[in-house]
Protein backbone atom coordinates (compact mmCIF):
# COMPACT_ATOMS: atom_id res chain seq x y z
CA UNK A 1 0.00 0.00 0.00
CA UNK A 2 1.06 3.56 -0.43
CA UNK A 3 -0.42 6.83 0.68
CA UNK A 4 -1.71 9.55 -1.62
CA UNK A 5 -0.07 13.00 -1.43
CA UNK A 6 -3.06 14.28 0.58
CA UNK A 7 -2.73 11.41 3.05
CA UNK A 8 1.00 12.07 3.42
CA UNK A 9 0.29 15.72 4.25
CA UNK A 10 -2.40 14.72 6.77
CA UNK A 11 -0.08 12.20 8.46
CA UNK A 12 2.69 14.80 8.62
CA UNK A 13 0.33 17.39 10.10
CA UNK A 14 -0.82 15.00 12.83
CA UNK A 15 2.67 13.67 13.55
CA UNK A 16 4.16 17.14 13.82
CA UNK A 17 4.18 18.67 17.30
CA UNK A 18 2.63 22.06 16.60
CA UNK A 19 0.91 23.88 19.41
CA UNK A 20 -0.83 26.06 16.83
CA UNK A 21 -2.91 23.06 15.72
CA UNK A 22 -5.87 22.79 18.07
CA UNK A 23 -7.44 19.58 19.33
CA UNK A 24 -10.54 20.33 17.24
CA UNK A 25 -8.39 20.66 14.12
CA UNK A 26 -6.65 17.38 14.95
CA UNK A 27 -10.05 15.71 15.43
CA UNK A 28 -11.14 16.95 11.99
CA UNK A 29 -7.93 15.61 10.42
CA UNK A 30 -8.46 12.23 12.11
CA UNK A 31 -12.07 12.12 10.88
CA UNK A 32 -10.80 12.65 7.32
CA UNK A 33 -8.41 9.66 7.42
CA UNK A 34 -9.01 7.43 4.40
CA UNK A 35 -7.21 4.17 5.20
CA UNK A 36 -6.00 1.89 7.97
CA UNK A 37 -2.42 2.46 6.86
CA UNK A 38 -2.79 6.22 7.13
CA UNK A 39 -4.24 5.93 10.64
CA UNK A 40 -1.47 3.54 11.70
CA UNK A 41 1.25 5.84 10.36
CA UNK A 42 -0.24 8.66 12.41
CA UNK A 43 0.04 6.75 15.68
CA UNK A 44 3.52 5.38 14.90
CA UNK A 45 5.09 8.80 15.14
CA UNK A 46 2.56 10.63 17.24
CA UNK A 47 3.87 13.52 19.34
CA UNK A 48 2.83 13.96 22.98
CA UNK A 49 0.05 16.32 21.84
CA UNK A 50 -1.70 13.29 20.31
CA UNK A 51 -1.96 11.66 23.75
CA UNK A 52 -5.09 13.64 24.56
CA UNK A 53 -7.80 11.14 25.36
CA UNK A 54 -10.29 12.65 22.92
CA UNK A 55 -7.77 12.16 20.10
CA UNK A 56 -6.95 8.60 21.16
CA UNK A 57 -10.66 7.79 21.36
CA UNK A 58 -11.19 9.26 17.87
CA UNK A 59 -8.40 7.07 16.51
CA UNK A 60 -9.52 3.82 18.11
CA UNK A 61 -13.18 4.40 17.21
CA UNK A 62 -12.38 5.39 13.61
CA UNK A 63 -14.04 3.14 11.04
CA UNK A 64 -10.68 2.54 9.32
CA UNK A 65 -8.85 1.59 12.52
CA UNK A 66 -7.20 -1.81 12.28
CA UNK A 67 -6.89 -4.14 15.23
CA UNK A 68 -3.10 -3.89 14.96
CA UNK A 69 -3.33 -0.12 15.36
CA UNK A 70 -5.61 -0.52 18.36
CA UNK A 71 -3.10 -2.92 19.92
CA UNK A 72 -0.30 -0.43 19.28
CA UNK A 73 -2.22 2.36 21.07
CA UNK A 74 -3.18 -0.03 23.87
CA UNK A 75 0.39 -1.11 24.57
CA UNK A 76 1.74 2.44 24.20
CA UNK A 77 -0.51 3.33 27.15
CA UNK A 78 1.30 0.70 29.30
CA UNK A 79 -1.70 -1.37 30.44
CA UNK A 80 0.36 -3.51 32.82
CA UNK A 81 0.89 -0.52 35.09
CA UNK A 82 -2.86 0.06 35.43
CA UNK A 83 -3.64 -3.61 35.97
CA UNK A 84 -0.95 -3.59 38.69
CA UNK A 85 -2.56 -0.56 40.38
CA UNK A 86 -5.88 -2.42 40.37
CA UNK A 87 -4.30 -5.60 41.70
CA UNK A 88 -2.75 -3.66 44.57
CA UNK A 89 -6.13 -1.97 45.19
CA UNK A 90 -4.63 1.49 44.95
CA UNK A 91 -6.83 4.41 43.93
CA UNK A 92 -6.66 5.76 40.41
CA UNK A 93 -5.78 9.38 39.79
CA UNK A 94 -7.87 11.34 37.26
CA UNK A 95 -5.19 10.65 34.65
CA UNK A 96 -5.23 6.93 35.46
CA UNK A 97 -9.02 6.87 35.13
CA UNK A 98 -8.76 8.49 31.71
CA UNK A 99 -6.13 6.00 30.53
CA UNK A 100 -8.12 3.10 31.97
CA UNK A 101 -11.25 4.18 30.07
CA UNK A 102 -9.31 4.17 26.78
CA UNK A 103 -7.78 0.77 27.59
CA UNK A 104 -11.20 -0.69 28.38
CA UNK A 105 -12.67 0.81 25.21
CA UNK A 106 -9.97 -0.90 23.15
CA UNK A 107 -10.42 -4.21 24.97
CA UNK A 108 -14.18 -4.12 24.41
CA UNK A 109 -13.79 -3.33 20.72
CA UNK A 110 -11.20 -6.10 20.24
CA UNK A 111 -13.33 -8.59 22.18
CA UNK A 112 -16.36 -7.85 20.00
CA UNK A 113 -14.42 -7.78 16.68
CA UNK A 114 -15.21 -4.13 16.00
CA UNK A 115 -11.97 -3.39 14.13
CA UNK A 116 -12.68 -3.85 10.47
CA UNK A 117 -9.93 -1.74 8.90
CA UNK A 118 -7.43 -3.44 6.60
CA UNK A 119 -5.33 -5.87 8.68
CA UNK A 120 -2.15 -4.34 10.08
CA UNK A 121 0.49 -6.35 11.89
CA UNK A 122 1.22 -5.93 15.58
CA UNK A 123 3.85 -8.12 17.26
CA UNK A 124 3.94 -7.69 21.03
CA UNK A 125 7.53 -8.90 21.46
CA UNK A 126 8.70 -6.47 18.75
CA UNK A 127 6.82 -3.63 20.45
CA UNK A 128 8.29 -4.51 23.87
CA UNK A 129 11.73 -5.16 22.44
CA UNK A 130 11.87 -8.55 24.19
CA UNK A 131 9.62 -11.41 25.23
CA UNK A 132 6.57 -11.09 27.44
CA UNK A 133 8.32 -13.19 30.09
CA UNK A 134 11.29 -10.81 30.16
CA UNK A 135 8.94 -7.83 30.42
CA UNK A 136 7.07 -9.46 33.31
CA UNK A 137 10.24 -9.47 35.40
CA UNK A 138 10.16 -5.69 35.68
CA UNK A 139 6.47 -5.17 34.94
CA UNK A 140 4.49 -7.96 36.65
CA UNK A 141 1.17 -6.24 35.94
CA UNK A 142 1.57 -7.21 32.30
CA UNK A 143 0.56 -10.76 33.19
CA UNK A 144 -2.87 -9.45 34.24
CA UNK A 145 -3.53 -8.08 30.76
CA UNK A 146 -6.12 -10.34 29.08
CA UNK A 147 -4.68 -13.02 26.79
CA UNK A 148 -6.53 -11.69 23.74
CA UNK A 149 -4.69 -8.38 24.12
CA UNK A 150 -1.33 -10.15 24.42
CA UNK A 151 -1.87 -11.97 21.12
CA UNK A 152 -0.06 -10.91 17.97
CA UNK A 153 -2.12 -9.49 15.11
CA UNK A 154 -1.44 -10.59 11.53
CA UNK A 155 -1.51 -8.15 8.67
CA UNK A 156 0.49 -5.65 6.66
CA UNK A 157 3.78 -4.68 8.30
CA UNK A 158 4.16 -0.92 8.52
CA UNK A 159 7.42 0.54 9.76
C-alpha atoms as a PDB file:
ATOM      1  CA  UNK A   1       0.000   0.000   0.000  1.00  0.00           C
ATOM      2  CA  UNK A   2       1.063   3.562  -0.433  1.00  0.00           C
ATOM      3  CA  UNK A   3      -0.418   6.826   0.676  1.00  0.00           C
ATOM      4  CA  UNK A   4      -1.709   9.553  -1.621  1.00  0.00           C
ATOM      5  CA  UNK A   5      -0.074  12.996  -1.434  1.00  0.00           C
ATOM      6  CA  UNK A   6      -3.061  14.283   0.585  1.00  0.00           C
ATOM      7  CA  UNK A   7      -2.727  11.411   3.052  1.00  0.00           C
ATOM      8  CA  UNK A   8       1.004  12.072   3.415  1.00  0.00           C
ATOM      9  CA  UNK A   9       0.286  15.716   4.245  1.00  0.00           C
ATOM     10  CA  UNK A  10      -2.397  14.720   6.772  1.00  0.00           C
ATOM     11  CA  UNK A  11      -0.076  12.197   8.456  1.00  0.00           C
ATOM     12  CA  UNK A  12       2.685  14.796   8.617  1.00  0.00           C
ATOM     13  CA  UNK A  13       0.328  17.385  10.102  1.00  0.00           C
ATOM     14  CA  UNK A  14      -0.822  14.995  12.827  1.00  0.00           C
ATOM     15  CA  UNK A  15       2.667  13.673  13.555  1.00  0.00           C
ATOM     16  CA  UNK A  16       4.165  17.143  13.821  1.00  0.00           C
ATOM     17  CA  UNK A  17       4.175  18.672  17.298  1.00  0.00           C
ATOM     18  CA  UNK A  18       2.634  22.058  16.596  1.00  0.00           C
ATOM     19  CA  UNK A  19       0.914  23.878  19.410  1.00  0.00           C
ATOM     20  CA  UNK A  20      -0.832  26.065  16.833  1.00  0.00           C
ATOM     21  CA  UNK A  21      -2.912  23.061  15.717  1.00  0.00           C
ATOM     22  CA  UNK A  22      -5.869  22.790  18.066  1.00  0.00           C
ATOM     23  CA  UNK A  23      -7.444  19.584  19.331  1.00  0.00           C
ATOM     24  CA  UNK A  24     -10.536  20.330  17.236  1.00  0.00           C
ATOM     25  CA  UNK A  25      -8.393  20.662  14.116  1.00  0.00           C
ATOM     26  CA  UNK A  26      -6.651  17.383  14.952  1.00  0.00           C
ATOM     27  CA  UNK A  27     -10.047  15.707  15.431  1.00  0.00           C
ATOM     28  CA  UNK A  28     -11.140  16.947  11.990  1.00  0.00           C
ATOM     29  CA  UNK A  29      -7.929  15.612  10.420  1.00  0.00           C
ATOM     30  CA  UNK A  30      -8.456  12.226  12.111  1.00  0.00           C
ATOM     31  CA  UNK A  31     -12.068  12.119  10.877  1.00  0.00           C
ATOM     32  CA  UNK A  32     -10.804  12.647   7.320  1.00  0.00           C
ATOM     33  CA  UNK A  33      -8.413   9.661   7.423  1.00  0.00           C
ATOM     34  CA  UNK A  34      -9.014   7.425   4.397  1.00  0.00           C
ATOM     35  CA  UNK A  35      -7.211   4.170   5.205  1.00  0.00           C
ATOM     36  CA  UNK A  36      -6.003   1.890   7.971  1.00  0.00           C
ATOM     37  CA  UNK A  37      -2.417   2.458   6.860  1.00  0.00           C
ATOM     38  CA  UNK A  38      -2.787   6.224   7.135  1.00  0.00           C
ATOM     39  CA  UNK A  39      -4.237   5.935  10.642  1.00  0.00           C
ATOM     40  CA  UNK A  40      -1.470   3.543  11.704  1.00  0.00           C
ATOM     41  CA  UNK A  41       1.246   5.844  10.363  1.00  0.00           C
ATOM     42  CA  UNK A  42      -0.238   8.663  12.412  1.00  0.00           C
ATOM     43  CA  UNK A  43       0.044   6.749  15.685  1.00  0.00           C
ATOM     44  CA  UNK A  44       3.522   5.375  14.899  1.00  0.00           C
ATOM     45  CA  UNK A  45       5.090   8.804  15.136  1.00  0.00           C
ATOM     46  CA  UNK A  46       2.562  10.627  17.241  1.00  0.00           C
ATOM     47  CA  UNK A  47       3.873  13.518  19.344  1.00  0.00           C
ATOM     48  CA  UNK A  48       2.826  13.959  22.982  1.00  0.00           C
ATOM     49  CA  UNK A  49       0.049  16.316  21.843  1.00  0.00           C
ATOM     50  CA  UNK A  50      -1.702  13.293  20.310  1.00  0.00           C
ATOM     51  CA  UNK A  51      -1.959  11.661  23.754  1.00  0.00           C
ATOM     52  CA  UNK A  52      -5.089  13.635  24.557  1.00  0.00           C
ATOM     53  CA  UNK A  53      -7.795  11.144  25.357  1.00  0.00           C
ATOM     54  CA  UNK A  54     -10.287  12.651  22.923  1.00  0.00           C
ATOM     55  CA  UNK A  55      -7.770  12.158  20.099  1.00  0.00           C
ATOM     56  CA  UNK A  56      -6.945   8.598  21.160  1.00  0.00           C
ATOM     57  CA  UNK A  57     -10.659   7.790  21.358  1.00  0.00           C
ATOM     58  CA  UNK A  58     -11.192   9.257  17.867  1.00  0.00           C
ATOM     59  CA  UNK A  59      -8.401   7.070  16.513  1.00  0.00           C
ATOM     60  CA  UNK A  60      -9.518   3.820  18.114  1.00  0.00           C
ATOM     61  CA  UNK A  61     -13.181   4.404  17.210  1.00  0.00           C
ATOM     62  CA  UNK A  62     -12.379   5.392  13.611  1.00  0.00           C
ATOM     63  CA  UNK A  63     -14.043   3.144  11.040  1.00  0.00           C
ATOM     64  CA  UNK A  64     -10.684   2.540   9.318  1.00  0.00           C
ATOM     65  CA  UNK A  65      -8.853   1.595  12.520  1.00  0.00           C
ATOM     66  CA  UNK A  66      -7.198  -1.808  12.280  1.00  0.00           C
ATOM     67  CA  UNK A  67      -6.892  -4.142  15.231  1.00  0.00           C
ATOM     68  CA  UNK A  68      -3.096  -3.894  14.958  1.00  0.00           C
ATOM     69  CA  UNK A  69      -3.328  -0.119  15.358  1.00  0.00           C
ATOM     70  CA  UNK A  70      -5.614  -0.517  18.364  1.00  0.00           C
ATOM     71  CA  UNK A  71      -3.101  -2.924  19.917  1.00  0.00           C
ATOM     72  CA  UNK A  72      -0.302  -0.427  19.283  1.00  0.00           C
ATOM     73  CA  UNK A  73      -2.220   2.358  21.068  1.00  0.00           C
ATOM     74  CA  UNK A  74      -3.180  -0.031  23.867  1.00  0.00           C
ATOM     75  CA  UNK A  75       0.392  -1.112  24.567  1.00  0.00           C
ATOM     76  CA  UNK A  76       1.742   2.438  24.199  1.00  0.00           C
ATOM     77  CA  UNK A  77      -0.514   3.327  27.150  1.00  0.00           C
ATOM     78  CA  UNK A  78       1.303   0.699  29.300  1.00  0.00           C
ATOM     79  CA  UNK A  79      -1.699  -1.365  30.435  1.00  0.00           C
ATOM     80  CA  UNK A  80       0.361  -3.512  32.820  1.00  0.00           C
ATOM     81  CA  UNK A  81       0.889  -0.519  35.093  1.00  0.00           C
ATOM     82  CA  UNK A  82      -2.858   0.056  35.425  1.00  0.00           C
ATOM     83  CA  UNK A  83      -3.636  -3.609  35.973  1.00  0.00           C
ATOM     84  CA  UNK A  84      -0.951  -3.586  38.689  1.00  0.00           C
ATOM     85  CA  UNK A  85      -2.560  -0.556  40.379  1.00  0.00           C
ATOM     86  CA  UNK A  86      -5.882  -2.419  40.370  1.00  0.00           C
ATOM     87  CA  UNK A  87      -4.304  -5.601  41.701  1.00  0.00           C
ATOM     88  CA  UNK A  88      -2.745  -3.658  44.567  1.00  0.00           C
ATOM     89  CA  UNK A  89      -6.130  -1.967  45.192  1.00  0.00           C
ATOM     90  CA  UNK A  90      -4.628   1.487  44.953  1.00  0.00           C
ATOM     91  CA  UNK A  91      -6.828   4.412  43.925  1.00  0.00           C
ATOM     92  CA  UNK A  92      -6.660   5.755  40.406  1.00  0.00           C
ATOM     93  CA  UNK A  93      -5.784   9.379  39.787  1.00  0.00           C
ATOM     94  CA  UNK A  94      -7.868  11.336  37.265  1.00  0.00           C
ATOM     95  CA  UNK A  95      -5.185  10.654  34.650  1.00  0.00           C
ATOM     96  CA  UNK A  96      -5.232   6.931  35.457  1.00  0.00           C
ATOM     97  CA  UNK A  97      -9.022   6.868  35.134  1.00  0.00           C
ATOM     98  CA  UNK A  98      -8.760   8.493  31.707  1.00  0.00           C
ATOM     99  CA  UNK A  99      -6.131   6.004  30.526  1.00  0.00           C
ATOM    100  CA  UNK A 100      -8.122   3.095  31.966  1.00  0.00           C
ATOM    101  CA  UNK A 101     -11.249   4.180  30.072  1.00  0.00           C
ATOM    102  CA  UNK A 102      -9.310   4.171  26.782  1.00  0.00           C
ATOM    103  CA  UNK A 103      -7.776   0.772  27.594  1.00  0.00           C
ATOM    104  CA  UNK A 104     -11.202  -0.691  28.380  1.00  0.00           C
ATOM    105  CA  UNK A 105     -12.665   0.808  25.207  1.00  0.00           C
ATOM    106  CA  UNK A 106      -9.967  -0.899  23.154  1.00  0.00           C
ATOM    107  CA  UNK A 107     -10.418  -4.215  24.973  1.00  0.00           C
ATOM    108  CA  UNK A 108     -14.178  -4.123  24.415  1.00  0.00           C
ATOM    109  CA  UNK A 109     -13.791  -3.331  20.723  1.00  0.00           C
ATOM    110  CA  UNK A 110     -11.203  -6.096  20.235  1.00  0.00           C
ATOM    111  CA  UNK A 111     -13.328  -8.593  22.183  1.00  0.00           C
ATOM    112  CA  UNK A 112     -16.361  -7.851  19.998  1.00  0.00           C
ATOM    113  CA  UNK A 113     -14.425  -7.780  16.679  1.00  0.00           C
ATOM    114  CA  UNK A 114     -15.215  -4.129  16.000  1.00  0.00           C
ATOM    115  CA  UNK A 115     -11.969  -3.394  14.132  1.00  0.00           C
ATOM    116  CA  UNK A 116     -12.684  -3.845  10.470  1.00  0.00           C
ATOM    117  CA  UNK A 117      -9.926  -1.742   8.900  1.00  0.00           C
ATOM    118  CA  UNK A 118      -7.432  -3.440   6.601  1.00  0.00           C
ATOM    119  CA  UNK A 119      -5.328  -5.867   8.678  1.00  0.00           C
ATOM    120  CA  UNK A 120      -2.145  -4.344  10.075  1.00  0.00           C
ATOM    121  CA  UNK A 121       0.491  -6.355  11.888  1.00  0.00           C
ATOM    122  CA  UNK A 122       1.223  -5.934  15.583  1.00  0.00           C
ATOM    123  CA  UNK A 123       3.845  -8.118  17.258  1.00  0.00           C
ATOM    124  CA  UNK A 124       3.943  -7.686  21.026  1.00  0.00           C
ATOM    125  CA  UNK A 125       7.526  -8.896  21.460  1.00  0.00           C
ATOM    126  CA  UNK A 126       8.698  -6.470  18.752  1.00  0.00           C
ATOM    127  CA  UNK A 127       6.817  -3.627  20.451  1.00  0.00           C
ATOM    128  CA  UNK A 128       8.291  -4.507  23.869  1.00  0.00           C
ATOM    129  CA  UNK A 129      11.732  -5.161  22.444  1.00  0.00           C
ATOM    130  CA  UNK A 130      11.873  -8.545  24.194  1.00  0.00           C
ATOM    131  CA  UNK A 131       9.618 -11.409  25.225  1.00  0.00           C
ATOM    132  CA  UNK A 132       6.565 -11.092  27.442  1.00  0.00           C
ATOM    133  CA  UNK A 133       8.315 -13.193  30.088  1.00  0.00           C
ATOM    134  CA  UNK A 134      11.285 -10.813  30.162  1.00  0.00           C
ATOM    135  CA  UNK A 135       8.942  -7.828  30.421  1.00  0.00           C
ATOM    136  CA  UNK A 136       7.066  -9.462  33.309  1.00  0.00           C
ATOM    137  CA  UNK A 137      10.241  -9.469  35.402  1.00  0.00           C
ATOM    138  CA  UNK A 138      10.162  -5.694  35.679  1.00  0.00           C
ATOM    139  CA  UNK A 139       6.471  -5.165  34.940  1.00  0.00           C
ATOM    140  CA  UNK A 140       4.491  -7.956  36.650  1.00  0.00           C
ATOM    141  CA  UNK A 141       1.165  -6.235  35.939  1.00  0.00           C
ATOM    142  CA  UNK A 142       1.567  -7.207  32.298  1.00  0.00           C
ATOM    143  CA  UNK A 143       0.559 -10.761  33.187  1.00  0.00           C
ATOM    144  CA  UNK A 144      -2.869  -9.446  34.241  1.00  0.00           C
ATOM    145  CA  UNK A 145      -3.530  -8.075  30.764  1.00  0.00           C
ATOM    146  CA  UNK A 146      -6.119 -10.341  29.077  1.00  0.00           C
ATOM    147  CA  UNK A 147      -4.683 -13.017  26.789  1.00  0.00           C
ATOM    148  CA  UNK A 148      -6.534 -11.693  23.740  1.00  0.00           C
ATOM    149  CA  UNK A 149      -4.689  -8.375  24.123  1.00  0.00           C
ATOM    150  CA  UNK A 150      -1.328 -10.153  24.416  1.00  0.00           C
ATOM    151  CA  UNK A 151      -1.874 -11.973  21.122  1.00  0.00           C
ATOM    152  CA  UNK A 152      -0.064 -10.910  17.974  1.00  0.00           C
ATOM    153  CA  UNK A 153      -2.124  -9.487  15.107  1.00  0.00           C
ATOM    154  CA  UNK A 154      -1.443 -10.585  11.531  1.00  0.00           C
ATOM    155  CA  UNK A 155      -1.513  -8.151   8.674  1.00  0.00           C
ATOM    156  CA  UNK A 156       0.493  -5.654   6.656  1.00  0.00           C
ATOM    157  CA  UNK A 157       3.780  -4.684   8.297  1.00  0.00           C
ATOM    158  CA  UNK A 158       4.160  -0.919   8.525  1.00  0.00           C
ATOM    159  CA  UNK A 159       7.420   0.543   9.756  1.00  0.00           C
END
